[in-house]
């Protein structure tokens, strides 16, 4: 259900449509090659935003929510926190990869300029990509030295070989910059706005927190009896 809802939103269409219909719409509005690239980038961006949304619902609301997680299953939610965090960092780094890696094309915002025939729009997109690369730079070191690979020099001497800081503010800036790149295309070719910050994912981590709160109340009540 979540995937279908996100997929329909990828082209700014409110009603549920199939993946094929969505891709056809993007191709009609932007051209076959650019439309397909935009559509795929948008889908992957929505997946990353979904991860970030779940992380925020669990660990970015308030200390009371974090305490609920710690009181319920601290080991499990510690693992979830680390995996969601790394998943978002990895996703940002992938979408800002070089357009060709090891001789193979990649799904990256850096591939967009070569597909845009309008010089003014291309310049706007290139400028936004430059900003996105700057905002996402920190993710590359974390992916290359810690997530995708075990960099021995870093592992054995982390004090002398530290990784750049990774904060919620940096992650939000990286995601916003990638969104801004795709919004240029959405605004020019479709004359609409995606409103990524307003996307709603029902049945997510927030629902789990509410259930845990109720469960802890019953547990405390039973312990008191």
N, C-alpha and C. Protein backbone atom coordinates (compact mmCIF):
# COMPACT_ATOMS: atom_id res chain seq x y z
N UNK A 1 0.83 -1.21 0.00
CA UNK A 1 0.00 0.00 0.00
C UNK A 1 0.86 1.25 0.00
N UNK A 2 1.87 1.28 0.85
CA UNK A 2 2.74 2.45 0.90
C UNK A 2 3.45 2.67 -0.43
N UNK A 3 3.94 1.61 -1.04
CA UNK A 3 4.64 1.74 -2.31
C UNK A 3 3.70 2.28 -3.37
N UNK A 4 2.47 1.77 -3.45
CA UNK A 4 1.53 2.23 -4.46
C UNK A 4 1.20 3.70 -4.28
N UNK A 5 0.99 4.12 -3.03
CA UNK A 5 0.67 5.51 -2.78
C UNK A 5 1.81 6.41 -3.17
N UNK A 6 3.03 5.98 -2.82
CA UNK A 6 4.20 6.79 -3.18
C UNK A 6 4.38 6.83 -4.68
N UNK A 7 4.14 5.73 -5.34
CA UNK A 7 4.34 5.67 -6.77
C UNK A 7 3.36 6.58 -7.50
N UNK A 8 2.12 6.64 -7.03
CA UNK A 8 1.15 7.51 -7.69
C UNK A 8 1.54 8.95 -7.49
N UNK A 9 2.13 9.26 -6.34
CA UNK A 9 2.53 10.63 -6.08
C UNK A 9 3.76 11.05 -6.85
N UNK A 10 4.50 10.08 -7.41
CA UNK A 10 5.75 10.40 -8.08
C UNK A 10 5.56 11.31 -9.28
N UNK A 11 4.41 11.29 -9.88
CA UNK A 11 4.15 12.18 -11.01
C UNK A 11 3.10 13.22 -10.63
N UNK A 12 2.86 13.37 -9.35
CA UNK A 12 1.94 14.39 -8.88
C UNK A 12 0.48 14.05 -9.11
N UNK A 13 0.15 12.77 -9.30
CA UNK A 13 -1.23 12.37 -9.55
C UNK A 13 -1.85 11.87 -8.26
N UNK A 14 -3.00 12.40 -7.89
CA UNK A 14 -3.59 12.05 -6.61
C UNK A 14 -4.21 10.67 -6.60
N UNK A 15 -4.87 10.27 -7.70
CA UNK A 15 -5.52 8.97 -7.70
C UNK A 15 -4.49 7.87 -7.91
N UNK A 16 -4.87 6.68 -7.51
CA UNK A 16 -3.97 5.54 -7.66
C UNK A 16 -3.85 5.17 -9.13
N UNK A 17 -2.65 5.05 -9.64
CA UNK A 17 -2.43 4.63 -11.01
C UNK A 17 -1.34 3.57 -11.00
N UNK A 18 -1.27 2.83 -12.09
CA UNK A 18 -0.26 1.79 -12.18
C UNK A 18 1.10 2.40 -12.47
N UNK A 19 2.14 1.60 -12.25
CA UNK A 19 3.50 2.08 -12.53
C UNK A 19 3.66 2.42 -14.01
N UNK A 20 3.04 1.60 -14.87
CA UNK A 20 3.14 1.85 -16.30
C UNK A 20 2.45 3.15 -16.70
N UNK A 21 1.28 3.40 -16.13
CA UNK A 21 0.56 4.65 -16.41
C UNK A 21 1.35 5.85 -15.92
N UNK A 22 1.95 5.70 -14.77
CA UNK A 22 2.76 6.78 -14.21
C UNK A 22 3.94 7.10 -15.12
N UNK A 23 4.61 6.08 -15.58
CA UNK A 23 5.77 6.29 -16.46
C UNK A 23 5.34 6.91 -17.79
N UNK A 24 4.20 6.50 -18.31
CA UNK A 24 3.69 7.07 -19.55
C UNK A 24 3.41 8.56 -19.41
N UNK A 25 2.85 8.94 -18.26
CA UNK A 25 2.57 10.35 -18.02
C UNK A 25 3.87 11.16 -18.00
N UNK A 26 4.86 10.65 -17.29
CA UNK A 26 6.14 11.35 -17.22
C UNK A 26 6.77 11.48 -18.60
N UNK A 27 6.67 10.44 -19.41
CA UNK A 27 7.25 10.45 -20.75
C UNK A 27 6.53 11.44 -21.66
N UNK A 28 5.22 11.52 -21.53
CA UNK A 28 4.44 12.46 -22.34
C UNK A 28 4.80 13.90 -22.00
N UNK A 29 5.05 14.17 -20.75
CA UNK A 29 5.27 15.55 -20.30
C UNK A 29 6.73 15.99 -20.47
N UNK A 30 7.66 15.07 -20.37
CA UNK A 30 9.07 15.44 -20.39
C UNK A 30 9.87 14.85 -21.54
N UNK A 31 9.25 13.95 -22.29
CA UNK A 31 9.99 13.19 -23.29
C UNK A 31 10.35 11.84 -22.72
N UNK A 32 10.52 10.86 -23.57
CA UNK A 32 10.68 9.48 -23.12
C UNK A 32 11.88 9.27 -22.19
N UNK A 33 13.06 9.75 -22.60
CA UNK A 33 14.28 9.48 -21.82
C UNK A 33 14.31 10.28 -20.52
N UNK A 34 14.07 11.59 -20.62
CA UNK A 34 14.07 12.43 -19.42
C UNK A 34 12.94 12.03 -18.49
N UNK A 35 11.76 11.75 -19.07
CA UNK A 35 10.62 11.36 -18.25
C UNK A 35 10.88 10.09 -17.47
N UNK A 36 11.52 9.11 -18.10
CA UNK A 36 11.83 7.86 -17.41
C UNK A 36 12.84 8.09 -16.29
N UNK A 37 13.86 8.92 -16.57
CA UNK A 37 14.86 9.21 -15.55
C UNK A 37 14.25 9.94 -14.37
N UNK A 38 13.43 10.95 -14.66
CA UNK A 38 12.76 11.71 -13.59
C UNK A 38 11.89 10.78 -12.75
N UNK A 39 11.12 9.93 -13.43
CA UNK A 39 10.20 9.04 -12.74
C UNK A 39 10.95 8.09 -11.80
N UNK A 40 12.03 7.51 -12.27
CA UNK A 40 12.81 6.58 -11.46
C UNK A 40 13.51 7.30 -10.30
N UNK A 41 14.06 8.47 -10.58
CA UNK A 41 14.69 9.24 -9.51
C UNK A 41 13.67 9.61 -8.43
N UNK A 42 12.50 10.02 -8.86
CA UNK A 42 11.46 10.41 -7.92
C UNK A 42 11.02 9.24 -7.05
N UNK A 43 10.86 8.07 -7.67
CA UNK A 43 10.47 6.88 -6.90
C UNK A 43 11.51 6.54 -5.84
N UNK A 44 12.79 6.59 -6.22
CA UNK A 44 13.85 6.27 -5.26
C UNK A 44 13.95 7.33 -4.17
N UNK A 45 13.73 8.59 -4.55
CA UNK A 45 13.75 9.66 -3.56
C UNK A 45 12.61 9.46 -2.56
N UNK A 46 11.44 9.08 -3.04
CA UNK A 46 10.31 8.83 -2.14
C UNK A 46 10.62 7.68 -1.18
N UNK A 47 11.32 6.67 -1.65
CA UNK A 47 11.72 5.57 -0.77
C UNK A 47 12.62 6.07 0.36
N UNK A 48 13.57 6.95 0.02
CA UNK A 48 14.48 7.49 1.03
C UNK A 48 13.72 8.39 2.01
N UNK A 49 12.83 9.20 1.47
CA UNK A 49 12.03 10.07 2.33
C UNK A 49 11.15 9.26 3.28
N UNK A 50 10.68 8.11 2.80
CA UNK A 50 9.90 7.22 3.67
C UNK A 50 10.75 6.73 4.84
N UNK A 51 11.98 6.32 4.55
CA UNK A 51 12.89 5.89 5.62
C UNK A 51 13.13 7.02 6.62
N UNK A 52 13.38 8.22 6.09
CA UNK A 52 13.66 9.36 6.95
C UNK A 52 12.44 9.72 7.79
N UNK A 53 11.27 9.60 7.19
CA UNK A 53 10.03 9.87 7.92
C UNK A 53 9.87 8.91 9.09
N UNK A 54 10.18 7.62 8.86
CA UNK A 54 10.09 6.64 9.94
C UNK A 54 11.11 6.93 11.04
N UNK A 55 12.31 7.30 10.63
CA UNK A 55 13.34 7.65 11.62
C UNK A 55 12.88 8.81 12.48
N UNK A 56 12.34 9.83 11.83
CA UNK A 56 11.90 11.02 12.55
C UNK A 56 10.77 10.71 13.53
N UNK A 57 9.84 9.85 13.11
CA UNK A 57 8.72 9.50 13.98
C UNK A 57 9.18 8.76 15.23
N UNK A 58 10.28 8.02 15.09
CA UNK A 58 10.78 7.25 16.23
C UNK A 58 11.75 8.04 17.09
N UNK A 59 12.68 8.75 16.45
CA UNK A 59 13.78 9.35 17.20
C UNK A 59 13.86 10.88 17.12
N UNK A 60 12.98 11.48 16.35
CA UNK A 60 13.06 12.93 16.18
C UNK A 60 11.89 13.70 16.71
N UNK A 61 11.02 13.05 17.49
CA UNK A 61 9.83 13.74 18.02
C UNK A 61 10.15 14.40 19.35
N UNK A 62 10.41 13.59 20.35
CA UNK A 62 10.76 14.11 21.67
C UNK A 62 11.40 13.00 22.50
N UNK A 63 11.92 13.38 23.66
CA UNK A 63 12.61 12.41 24.51
C UNK A 63 11.64 11.39 25.08
N UNK A 64 10.39 11.77 25.25
CA UNK A 64 9.38 10.84 25.77
C UNK A 64 9.22 9.65 24.83
N UNK A 65 9.19 9.93 23.53
CA UNK A 65 9.05 8.85 22.55
C UNK A 65 10.27 7.93 22.59
N UNK A 66 11.46 8.51 22.67
CA UNK A 66 12.68 7.71 22.75
C UNK A 66 12.65 6.84 24.00
N UNK A 67 12.14 7.39 25.08
CA UNK A 67 12.07 6.62 26.33
C UNK A 67 11.11 5.44 26.20
N UNK A 68 10.02 5.64 25.48
CA UNK A 68 9.08 4.55 25.22
C UNK A 68 9.78 3.41 24.49
N UNK A 69 10.59 3.75 23.50
CA UNK A 69 11.34 2.74 22.74
C UNK A 69 12.33 2.01 23.65
N UNK A 70 13.02 2.77 24.49
CA UNK A 70 14.00 2.17 25.39
C UNK A 70 13.34 1.29 26.45
N UNK A 71 12.15 1.68 26.90
CA UNK A 71 11.43 0.89 27.89
C UNK A 71 10.83 -0.37 27.29
N UNK A 72 10.60 -0.37 25.98
CA UNK A 72 9.94 -1.49 25.31
C UNK A 72 10.94 -2.53 24.83
N UNK A 73 11.87 -2.13 23.99
CA UNK A 73 12.84 -3.07 23.41
C UNK A 73 14.08 -2.30 22.98
N UNK A 74 14.92 -1.93 23.93
CA UNK A 74 16.06 -1.07 23.63
C UNK A 74 17.04 -1.62 22.60
N UNK A 75 17.33 -2.91 22.67
CA UNK A 75 18.26 -3.50 21.70
C UNK A 75 17.68 -3.45 20.30
N UNK A 76 16.43 -3.85 20.15
CA UNK A 76 15.79 -3.87 18.85
C UNK A 76 15.72 -2.47 18.25
N UNK A 77 15.26 -1.50 19.02
CA UNK A 77 15.10 -0.16 18.48
C UNK A 77 16.45 0.55 18.29
N UNK A 78 17.48 0.08 18.99
CA UNK A 78 18.82 0.58 18.72
C UNK A 78 19.30 0.13 17.35
N UNK A 79 19.00 -1.14 17.01
CA UNK A 79 19.34 -1.67 15.69
C UNK A 79 18.55 -0.95 14.61
N UNK A 80 17.26 -0.75 14.84
CA UNK A 80 16.40 -0.05 13.88
C UNK A 80 16.93 1.36 13.62
N UNK A 81 17.33 2.03 14.68
CA UNK A 81 17.85 3.40 14.53
C UNK A 81 19.07 3.42 13.64
N UNK A 82 20.01 2.52 13.88
CA UNK A 82 21.24 2.49 13.09
C UNK A 82 20.96 2.14 11.64
N UNK A 83 20.05 1.19 11.41
CA UNK A 83 19.77 0.75 10.04
C UNK A 83 19.02 1.82 9.25
N UNK A 84 18.07 2.49 9.87
CA UNK A 84 17.36 3.57 9.18
C UNK A 84 18.31 4.72 8.85
N UNK A 85 19.15 5.06 9.79
CA UNK A 85 20.12 6.15 9.61
C UNK A 85 21.05 5.85 8.44
N UNK A 86 21.62 4.65 8.45
CA UNK A 86 22.54 4.28 7.37
C UNK A 86 21.81 4.14 6.04
N UNK A 87 20.56 3.68 6.07
CA UNK A 87 19.80 3.55 4.85
C UNK A 87 19.56 4.89 4.17
N UNK A 88 19.29 5.91 4.95
CA UNK A 88 19.08 7.25 4.40
C UNK A 88 20.39 7.81 3.84
N UNK A 89 21.46 7.66 4.59
CA UNK A 89 22.76 8.14 4.13
C UNK A 89 23.16 7.45 2.83
N UNK A 90 22.96 6.14 2.78
CA UNK A 90 23.29 5.38 1.58
C UNK A 90 22.43 5.84 0.40
N UNK A 91 21.15 6.09 0.65
CA UNK A 91 20.26 6.53 -0.41
C UNK A 91 20.64 7.87 -0.98
N UNK A 92 21.02 8.81 -0.12
CA UNK A 92 21.45 10.13 -0.58
C UNK A 92 22.71 10.02 -1.42
N UNK A 93 23.65 9.21 -0.97
CA UNK A 93 24.92 9.07 -1.70
C UNK A 93 24.69 8.44 -3.07
N UNK A 94 23.78 7.50 -3.16
CA UNK A 94 23.50 6.85 -4.45
C UNK A 94 22.90 7.83 -5.46
N UNK A 95 21.96 8.63 -5.00
CA UNK A 95 21.29 9.56 -5.93
C UNK A 95 22.20 10.71 -6.36
N UNK A 96 23.35 10.84 -5.72
CA UNK A 96 24.30 11.89 -6.11
C UNK A 96 25.59 11.29 -6.66
N UNK A 97 25.55 10.03 -7.03
CA UNK A 97 26.70 9.36 -7.63
C UNK A 97 27.03 9.94 -9.01
N UNK A 98 28.24 9.67 -9.52
CA UNK A 98 28.53 10.02 -10.92
C UNK A 98 27.55 9.29 -11.84
N UNK A 99 27.22 9.86 -12.98
CA UNK A 99 26.25 9.23 -13.88
C UNK A 99 26.74 7.91 -14.48
N UNK A 100 28.04 7.69 -14.45
CA UNK A 100 28.61 6.43 -14.92
C UNK A 100 29.63 5.95 -13.88
N UNK A 101 29.50 4.70 -13.46
CA UNK A 101 30.42 4.13 -12.47
C UNK A 101 30.86 2.76 -12.95
N UNK A 102 32.15 2.54 -13.00
CA UNK A 102 32.72 1.26 -13.46
C UNK A 102 32.18 0.89 -14.84
N UNK A 103 31.99 1.91 -15.68
CA UNK A 103 31.53 1.67 -17.04
C UNK A 103 30.03 1.45 -17.18
N UNK A 104 29.30 1.54 -16.08
CA UNK A 104 27.85 1.32 -16.13
C UNK A 104 27.10 2.58 -15.69
N UNK A 105 25.97 2.85 -16.36
CA UNK A 105 25.16 4.01 -16.03
C UNK A 105 24.50 3.82 -14.67
N UNK A 106 24.34 4.91 -13.94
CA UNK A 106 23.70 4.86 -12.63
C UNK A 106 22.47 5.75 -12.61
N UNK A 107 21.58 5.49 -11.67
CA UNK A 107 20.42 6.35 -11.46
C UNK A 107 20.85 7.48 -10.54
N UNK A 108 21.14 8.62 -11.12
CA UNK A 108 21.69 9.74 -10.36
C UNK A 108 21.17 11.05 -10.91
N UNK A 109 21.00 12.03 -10.04
CA UNK A 109 20.58 13.35 -10.50
C UNK A 109 21.63 13.97 -11.41
N UNK A 110 22.86 13.50 -11.32
CA UNK A 110 23.94 14.05 -12.15
C UNK A 110 23.81 13.65 -13.62
N UNK A 111 22.92 12.70 -13.90
CA UNK A 111 22.68 12.29 -15.28
C UNK A 111 21.65 13.19 -15.97
N UNK A 112 20.97 14.03 -15.22
CA UNK A 112 19.86 14.83 -15.77
C UNK A 112 20.28 15.88 -16.80
N UNK A 113 21.31 16.69 -16.54
CA UNK A 113 21.63 17.78 -17.48
C UNK A 113 21.80 17.32 -18.92
N UNK A 114 22.40 16.17 -19.14
CA UNK A 114 22.62 15.68 -20.50
C UNK A 114 21.32 15.33 -21.21
N UNK A 115 20.23 15.22 -20.46
CA UNK A 115 18.95 14.82 -21.05
C UNK A 115 18.01 16.01 -21.28
N UNK A 116 18.43 17.20 -20.87
CA UNK A 116 17.56 18.38 -20.94
C UNK A 116 17.96 19.24 -22.13
N UNK A 117 17.04 19.44 -23.04
CA UNK A 117 17.33 20.22 -24.26
C UNK A 117 17.21 21.72 -24.04
N UNK A 118 16.35 22.13 -23.12
CA UNK A 118 16.16 23.56 -22.84
C UNK A 118 17.36 24.07 -22.04
N UNK A 119 18.12 25.00 -22.62
CA UNK A 119 19.36 25.46 -21.99
C UNK A 119 19.12 26.17 -20.67
N UNK A 120 18.04 26.94 -20.58
CA UNK A 120 17.75 27.66 -19.33
C UNK A 120 17.41 26.70 -18.21
N UNK A 121 16.57 25.71 -18.51
CA UNK A 121 16.21 24.71 -17.51
C UNK A 121 17.43 23.89 -17.13
N UNK A 122 18.25 23.56 -18.12
CA UNK A 122 19.46 22.78 -17.86
C UNK A 122 20.38 23.52 -16.90
N UNK A 123 20.52 24.82 -17.09
CA UNK A 123 21.37 25.62 -16.21
C UNK A 123 20.82 25.64 -14.78
N UNK A 124 19.51 25.75 -14.65
CA UNK A 124 18.88 25.72 -13.33
C UNK A 124 19.13 24.39 -12.64
N UNK A 125 18.94 23.33 -13.40
CA UNK A 125 19.12 21.99 -12.83
C UNK A 125 20.58 21.77 -12.43
N UNK A 126 21.51 22.21 -13.27
CA UNK A 126 22.93 22.04 -12.98
C UNK A 126 23.32 22.79 -11.71
N UNK A 127 22.78 23.99 -11.55
CA UNK A 127 23.06 24.78 -10.35
C UNK A 127 22.52 24.08 -9.10
N UNK A 128 21.30 23.53 -9.22
CA UNK A 128 20.71 22.83 -8.08
C UNK A 128 21.48 21.55 -7.77
N UNK A 129 21.99 20.89 -8.80
CA UNK A 129 22.79 19.68 -8.59
C UNK A 129 24.09 20.02 -7.87
N UNK A 130 24.71 21.12 -8.24
CA UNK A 130 25.94 21.54 -7.58
C UNK A 130 25.71 21.73 -6.09
N UNK A 131 24.58 22.34 -5.74
CA UNK A 131 24.25 22.52 -4.33
C UNK A 131 23.98 21.19 -3.65
N UNK A 132 23.28 20.31 -4.35
CA UNK A 132 22.98 18.99 -3.78
C UNK A 132 24.25 18.19 -3.52
N UNK A 133 25.21 18.27 -4.44
CA UNK A 133 26.48 17.56 -4.26
C UNK A 133 27.23 18.07 -3.04
N UNK A 134 27.19 19.37 -2.85
CA UNK A 134 27.86 19.96 -1.68
C UNK A 134 27.18 19.49 -0.39
N UNK A 135 25.84 19.48 -0.39
CA UNK A 135 25.10 19.09 0.81
C UNK A 135 25.22 17.59 1.09
N UNK A 136 25.45 16.80 0.04
CA UNK A 136 25.51 15.35 0.21
C UNK A 136 26.93 14.82 0.34
N UNK A 137 27.91 15.67 0.29
CA UNK A 137 29.30 15.24 0.29
C UNK A 137 29.64 14.37 1.50
N UNK A 138 29.11 14.70 2.65
CA UNK A 138 29.44 13.95 3.87
C UNK A 138 28.99 12.49 3.78
N UNK A 139 27.93 12.23 3.01
CA UNK A 139 27.42 10.85 2.93
C UNK A 139 28.38 9.92 2.21
N UNK A 140 29.17 10.47 1.30
CA UNK A 140 30.05 9.64 0.49
C UNK A 140 31.14 8.98 1.36
N UNK A 141 31.70 9.76 2.26
CA UNK A 141 32.74 9.20 3.14
C UNK A 141 32.17 8.10 4.03
N UNK A 142 30.95 8.32 4.54
CA UNK A 142 30.33 7.31 5.40
C UNK A 142 30.02 6.03 4.62
N UNK A 143 29.58 6.19 3.37
CA UNK A 143 29.31 5.01 2.56
C UNK A 143 30.60 4.27 2.23
N UNK A 144 31.61 4.98 1.78
CA UNK A 144 32.84 4.35 1.30
C UNK A 144 33.69 3.74 2.41
N UNK A 145 33.64 4.33 3.59
CA UNK A 145 34.53 3.89 4.66
C UNK A 145 33.84 3.11 5.78
N UNK A 146 32.50 3.18 5.82
CA UNK A 146 31.83 2.55 6.96
C UNK A 146 30.64 1.67 6.57
N UNK A 147 29.83 2.09 5.62
CA UNK A 147 28.60 1.35 5.31
C UNK A 147 28.83 0.30 4.23
N UNK A 148 29.32 0.72 3.07
CA UNK A 148 29.52 -0.22 1.97
C UNK A 148 30.84 -0.98 2.10
N UNK A 149 31.82 -0.37 2.76
CA UNK A 149 33.13 -1.00 2.90
C UNK A 149 33.64 -0.80 4.33
N UNK A 150 34.50 -1.66 4.77
CA UNK A 150 35.15 -1.52 6.07
C UNK A 150 36.56 -0.97 5.85
N UNK A 151 36.69 0.33 5.92
CA UNK A 151 38.00 0.96 5.71
C UNK A 151 38.89 0.67 6.91
N UNK A 152 39.95 -0.10 6.70
CA UNK A 152 40.78 -0.58 7.81
C UNK A 152 41.47 0.57 8.54
N UNK A 153 41.97 1.54 7.80
CA UNK A 153 42.66 2.67 8.43
C UNK A 153 41.72 3.42 9.36
N UNK A 154 40.49 3.63 8.91
CA UNK A 154 39.51 4.32 9.76
C UNK A 154 39.15 3.47 10.97
N UNK A 155 38.93 2.17 10.76
CA UNK A 155 38.51 1.30 11.86
C UNK A 155 39.58 1.20 12.94
N UNK A 156 40.84 1.10 12.51
CA UNK A 156 41.90 0.88 13.49
C UNK A 156 42.39 2.16 14.16
N UNK A 157 42.09 3.31 13.57
CA UNK A 157 42.49 4.57 14.20
C UNK A 157 41.46 5.64 13.85
N UNK A 158 40.31 5.59 14.51
CA UNK A 158 39.22 6.51 14.19
C UNK A 158 39.51 7.93 14.66
N UNK A 159 40.36 8.06 15.65
CA UNK A 159 40.71 9.40 16.13
C UNK A 159 41.52 10.15 15.09
N UNK A 160 42.49 9.48 14.50
CA UNK A 160 43.35 10.12 13.50
C UNK A 160 42.68 10.18 12.13
N UNK A 161 41.68 9.32 11.91
CA UNK A 161 41.01 9.27 10.61
C UNK A 161 39.50 9.35 10.79
N UNK A 162 39.02 10.48 11.30
CA UNK A 162 37.58 10.60 11.57
C UNK A 162 36.77 10.80 10.28
N UNK A 163 35.52 10.43 10.34
CA UNK A 163 34.60 10.69 9.25
C UNK A 163 33.94 12.06 9.46
N UNK A 164 33.49 12.70 8.40
CA UNK A 164 32.79 13.98 8.59
C UNK A 164 31.54 13.77 9.42
N UNK A 165 31.17 14.77 10.18
CA UNK A 165 30.00 14.65 11.03
C UNK A 165 28.75 14.40 10.20
N UNK A 166 27.87 13.55 10.73
CA UNK A 166 26.59 13.27 10.09
C UNK A 166 25.49 13.64 11.08
N UNK A 167 24.73 14.67 10.79
CA UNK A 167 23.70 15.15 11.69
C UNK A 167 22.35 15.14 10.99
N UNK A 168 21.30 15.28 11.78
CA UNK A 168 19.96 15.35 11.19
C UNK A 168 19.83 16.57 10.29
N UNK A 169 20.46 17.65 10.69
CA UNK A 169 20.40 18.86 9.87
C UNK A 169 21.05 18.65 8.51
N UNK A 170 22.18 17.94 8.50
CA UNK A 170 22.88 17.66 7.25
C UNK A 170 22.06 16.72 6.36
N UNK A 171 21.47 15.71 6.97
CA UNK A 171 20.64 14.79 6.20
C UNK A 171 19.45 15.52 5.59
N UNK A 172 18.80 16.37 6.39
CA UNK A 172 17.65 17.12 5.89
C UNK A 172 18.07 18.05 4.74
N UNK A 173 19.22 18.68 4.87
CA UNK A 173 19.71 19.56 3.81
C UNK A 173 19.98 18.77 2.53
N UNK A 174 20.57 17.59 2.67
CA UNK A 174 20.85 16.75 1.50
C UNK A 174 19.58 16.32 0.80
N UNK A 175 18.59 15.91 1.57
CA UNK A 175 17.31 15.49 0.99
C UNK A 175 16.60 16.68 0.33
N UNK A 176 16.61 17.82 1.00
CA UNK A 176 15.96 19.01 0.44
C UNK A 176 16.59 19.42 -0.89
N UNK A 177 17.91 19.30 -0.97
CA UNK A 177 18.62 19.70 -2.19
C UNK A 177 18.28 18.77 -3.36
N UNK A 178 18.16 17.49 -3.08
CA UNK A 178 17.77 16.55 -4.14
C UNK A 178 16.33 16.82 -4.58
N UNK A 179 15.47 17.07 -3.60
CA UNK A 179 14.08 17.43 -3.93
C UNK A 179 14.03 18.66 -4.82
N UNK A 180 14.89 19.63 -4.53
CA UNK A 180 14.90 20.88 -5.29
C UNK A 180 15.25 20.65 -6.75
N UNK A 181 16.15 19.70 -7.00
CA UNK A 181 16.53 19.38 -8.38
C UNK A 181 15.32 18.87 -9.16
N UNK A 182 14.60 17.93 -8.57
CA UNK A 182 13.45 17.34 -9.26
C UNK A 182 12.28 18.33 -9.35
N UNK A 183 12.18 19.22 -8.40
CA UNK A 183 11.10 20.21 -8.43
C UNK A 183 11.25 21.18 -9.61
N UNK A 184 12.48 21.43 -10.02
CA UNK A 184 12.69 22.29 -11.19
C UNK A 184 12.06 21.66 -12.42
N UNK A 185 12.28 20.37 -12.59
CA UNK A 185 11.69 19.65 -13.72
C UNK A 185 10.18 19.59 -13.59
N UNK A 186 9.72 19.29 -12.40
CA UNK A 186 8.28 19.19 -12.17
C UNK A 186 7.59 20.53 -12.46
N UNK A 187 8.20 21.61 -12.00
CA UNK A 187 7.62 22.92 -12.21
C UNK A 187 7.63 23.36 -13.65
N UNK A 188 8.71 23.06 -14.37
CA UNK A 188 8.82 23.51 -15.76
C UNK A 188 7.95 22.69 -16.70
N UNK A 189 8.04 21.38 -16.61
CA UNK A 189 7.35 20.53 -17.57
C UNK A 189 5.90 20.24 -17.19
N UNK A 190 5.60 20.30 -15.88
CA UNK A 190 4.25 19.94 -15.45
C UNK A 190 3.50 21.10 -14.81
N UNK A 191 4.24 22.21 -14.57
CA UNK A 191 3.65 23.39 -13.94
C UNK A 191 2.94 23.02 -12.64
N UNK A 192 3.61 22.20 -11.84
CA UNK A 192 3.05 21.78 -10.57
C UNK A 192 4.17 21.65 -9.54
N UNK A 193 3.80 21.41 -8.30
CA UNK A 193 4.76 21.27 -7.21
C UNK A 193 4.51 19.94 -6.51
N UNK A 194 5.58 19.22 -6.23
CA UNK A 194 5.45 17.91 -5.61
C UNK A 194 5.13 18.00 -4.11
N UNK A 195 5.65 19.04 -3.42
CA UNK A 195 5.44 19.20 -1.99
C UNK A 195 5.91 17.98 -1.20
N UNK A 196 7.18 17.67 -1.37
CA UNK A 196 7.75 16.49 -0.71
C UNK A 196 7.58 16.52 0.81
N UNK A 197 7.69 17.70 1.42
CA UNK A 197 7.60 17.79 2.87
C UNK A 197 6.20 17.48 3.39
N UNK A 198 5.19 17.53 2.52
CA UNK A 198 3.82 17.31 2.96
C UNK A 198 3.33 15.89 2.68
N UNK A 199 4.21 15.01 2.20
CA UNK A 199 3.81 13.64 1.93
C UNK A 199 3.42 12.94 3.23
N UNK A 200 2.36 12.15 3.18
CA UNK A 200 1.86 11.46 4.36
C UNK A 200 2.01 9.96 4.16
N UNK A 201 2.64 9.30 5.13
CA UNK A 201 2.80 7.85 5.09
C UNK A 201 2.01 7.26 6.26
N UNK A 202 0.82 6.73 5.98
CA UNK A 202 -0.01 6.17 7.03
C UNK A 202 0.53 4.81 7.48
N UNK A 203 0.18 4.45 8.71
CA UNK A 203 0.56 3.13 9.21
C UNK A 203 2.04 2.96 9.44
N UNK A 204 2.74 4.04 9.75
CA UNK A 204 4.18 3.98 9.93
C UNK A 204 4.61 3.84 11.38
N UNK A 205 5.80 4.33 11.66
CA UNK A 205 6.40 4.16 12.98
C UNK A 205 5.61 4.85 14.07
N UNK A 206 4.92 5.94 13.72
CA UNK A 206 4.12 6.64 14.72
C UNK A 206 3.05 5.73 15.31
N UNK A 207 2.47 4.87 14.47
CA UNK A 207 1.45 3.93 14.95
C UNK A 207 2.06 2.93 15.93
N UNK A 208 3.29 2.51 15.65
CA UNK A 208 3.98 1.58 16.55
C UNK A 208 4.21 2.23 17.92
N UNK A 209 4.59 3.49 17.92
CA UNK A 209 4.83 4.20 19.18
C UNK A 209 3.56 4.25 20.01
N UNK A 210 2.43 4.55 19.38
CA UNK A 210 1.15 4.60 20.12
C UNK A 210 0.81 3.25 20.73
N UNK A 211 1.03 2.18 19.97
CA UNK A 211 0.75 0.84 20.48
C UNK A 211 1.68 0.50 21.64
N UNK A 212 2.94 0.90 21.52
CA UNK A 212 3.89 0.64 22.60
C UNK A 212 3.51 1.39 23.88
N UNK A 213 3.06 2.62 23.72
CA UNK A 213 2.63 3.40 24.89
C UNK A 213 1.50 2.70 25.62
N UNK A 214 0.52 2.22 24.84
CA UNK A 214 -0.60 1.51 25.46
C UNK A 214 -0.12 0.23 26.13
N UNK A 215 0.80 -0.49 25.46
CA UNK A 215 1.32 -1.72 26.02
C UNK A 215 2.06 -1.51 27.33
N UNK A 216 2.83 -0.43 27.40
CA UNK A 216 3.58 -0.13 28.62
C UNK A 216 2.63 0.22 29.77
N UNK A 217 1.53 0.88 29.44
CA UNK A 217 0.54 1.21 30.48
C UNK A 217 -0.04 -0.05 31.09
N UNK A 218 -0.38 -1.01 30.22
CA UNK A 218 -0.93 -2.28 30.72
C UNK A 218 0.11 -3.06 31.50
N UNK A 219 1.36 -3.02 31.04
CA UNK A 219 2.43 -3.73 31.74
C UNK A 219 2.64 -3.15 33.14
N UNK A 220 2.67 -1.82 33.20
CA UNK A 220 2.88 -1.17 34.50
C UNK A 220 1.71 -1.44 35.43
N UNK A 221 0.51 -1.51 34.85
CA UNK A 221 -0.68 -1.78 35.66
C UNK A 221 -0.63 -3.19 36.23
N UNK A 222 -0.20 -4.15 35.38
CA UNK A 222 -0.11 -5.55 35.85
C UNK A 222 0.96 -5.69 36.92
N UNK A 223 2.06 -4.96 36.77
CA UNK A 223 3.15 -5.05 37.75
C UNK A 223 2.74 -4.43 39.07
N UNK A 224 1.84 -3.46 39.01
CA UNK A 224 1.42 -2.80 40.23
C UNK A 224 0.40 -3.64 40.99
N UNK A 225 -0.33 -4.54 40.30
CA UNK A 225 -1.36 -5.36 40.94
C UNK A 225 -0.73 -6.47 41.80
